[in-house]
Amino acid sequence: MRTRNIPVMLYSATFLLMSLVLAGSFIFPASHLVYAHTFSTSESAEFLSLVDQIRAETGLVTMNLENNNATLAHAEKASSLLDNNTLGEIRERNNRIADSLETGLEQLKGNITSLASSSQRQIPQDRIQSVSQIVMSLNNTMAEAITVRVQSEQQNNATTWAMVLADLVNVVLSDYGNATAASFDLTDMSNIAGMGGKETGHAKNVTIMTQDEKLQMSGNSSEGSTMIMATNATSSMSNMTATIVDASAYQSAQYLANNTLLQLFNDRLKPLTTSPNKTSPDNNNATTMTEEGQDNSRTPDGHMTSNIDKLEADLQQLKDDINGKATPNEVMVTAHLNIDPLLIIIYGLTEGH
């Protein structure tokens, strides 16, 4: 019974939060609300997320060599992501790796800057090979950095990778907000309260429970009303598209949604979640829930396999949202009302401030 109560308790909290947000929008200005899906994380998860962001930007450099402006923007962003604090942490463990990363990113930025200022219409083949070699070397060095910066048990920890996924989803939201010049912060869940049913089109996976749990939830009039409000607020204008005003930011959001998130899920998170005895050693709540979820996955009516499938479907939906240039509000709904609750249920992620 304790296992079956966990999803209900978590969703009760989630929908209560949405009820407060939606109700508060009629009483207080949205700027005064502080609700958001900012999950507590770890230094290991933050570093792994950072590495994936740098890999995305360097990958976009090689994909955009014919577009000087885009290539330079991605090279500059990749270089800016690795700040002195992170370099210092790596240098404490391995000075060579830190120097190689710093030098490699500087070389990449220098080469792209030189290409952007060149009057040649066609990029010489040797320059293309040089850039490709730098990116390949950077990827190898970042893989080394992970081995010295992140302990092996954290690399094999489902909760750690769930934190990485959550952070990268927020990066997608931030990039897409910049790409569409959204007037609000897409990473702030409280901004969903400002929709008022005006935009968005698919909160179809908000209720992720078995039928008896849905009945138990609907027995609470406040939570039931919130479910109806959330569904009604996302039922119109799904055919609208956003206007892209920052192509480089849009490419970043696309790369992460199309490649990084799905690869992380399929190569890391899903295998660790569905394999026996793969639990979090440093998060008792997440450990208990993962163990219980794995036990349930062996039964026909277990939640774990179903929720993992839903998480994969919602990551695909986020990809489709970005590729289809959905409105910022639609993208927020996919992230905050579909993906984030699943991360809470499956991995016990907690919200930090």
Foldseek 3Di string as FASTA:
>chain_A
DVLQCLLLVLLVVVLVVLLCLLVVVVVDPLVPDQAFFAFDADPLLVLVLLLLLLLLLLVVLLVPLLPLVLNLVSLVVSLVSCDPVNLVLLCVQPVVLSVLLNVLSVVLNVLSVVSSPDPDNDDDPVSSVVSVVSSVSNNVSSVVSSPRRPPPLLQLALLSLLSNLLVLLLLLLQLLCLFQVPPDRLRGLSCLSVLQLVEAADLPQLDQHDPVSVVVQVVDVSSVVSVVSVNSSHHDDQVDAGDTPDVSSLSSSLSCLVPVNLCSLVVHNVVLLQDPPRHDPPDVVQRVLSNVQNVQVVPPPGRNVVLSVQLNVLSVVLNVCSVRRTDSSNNSSSSSSRNSSSSCRNRVTHGDD
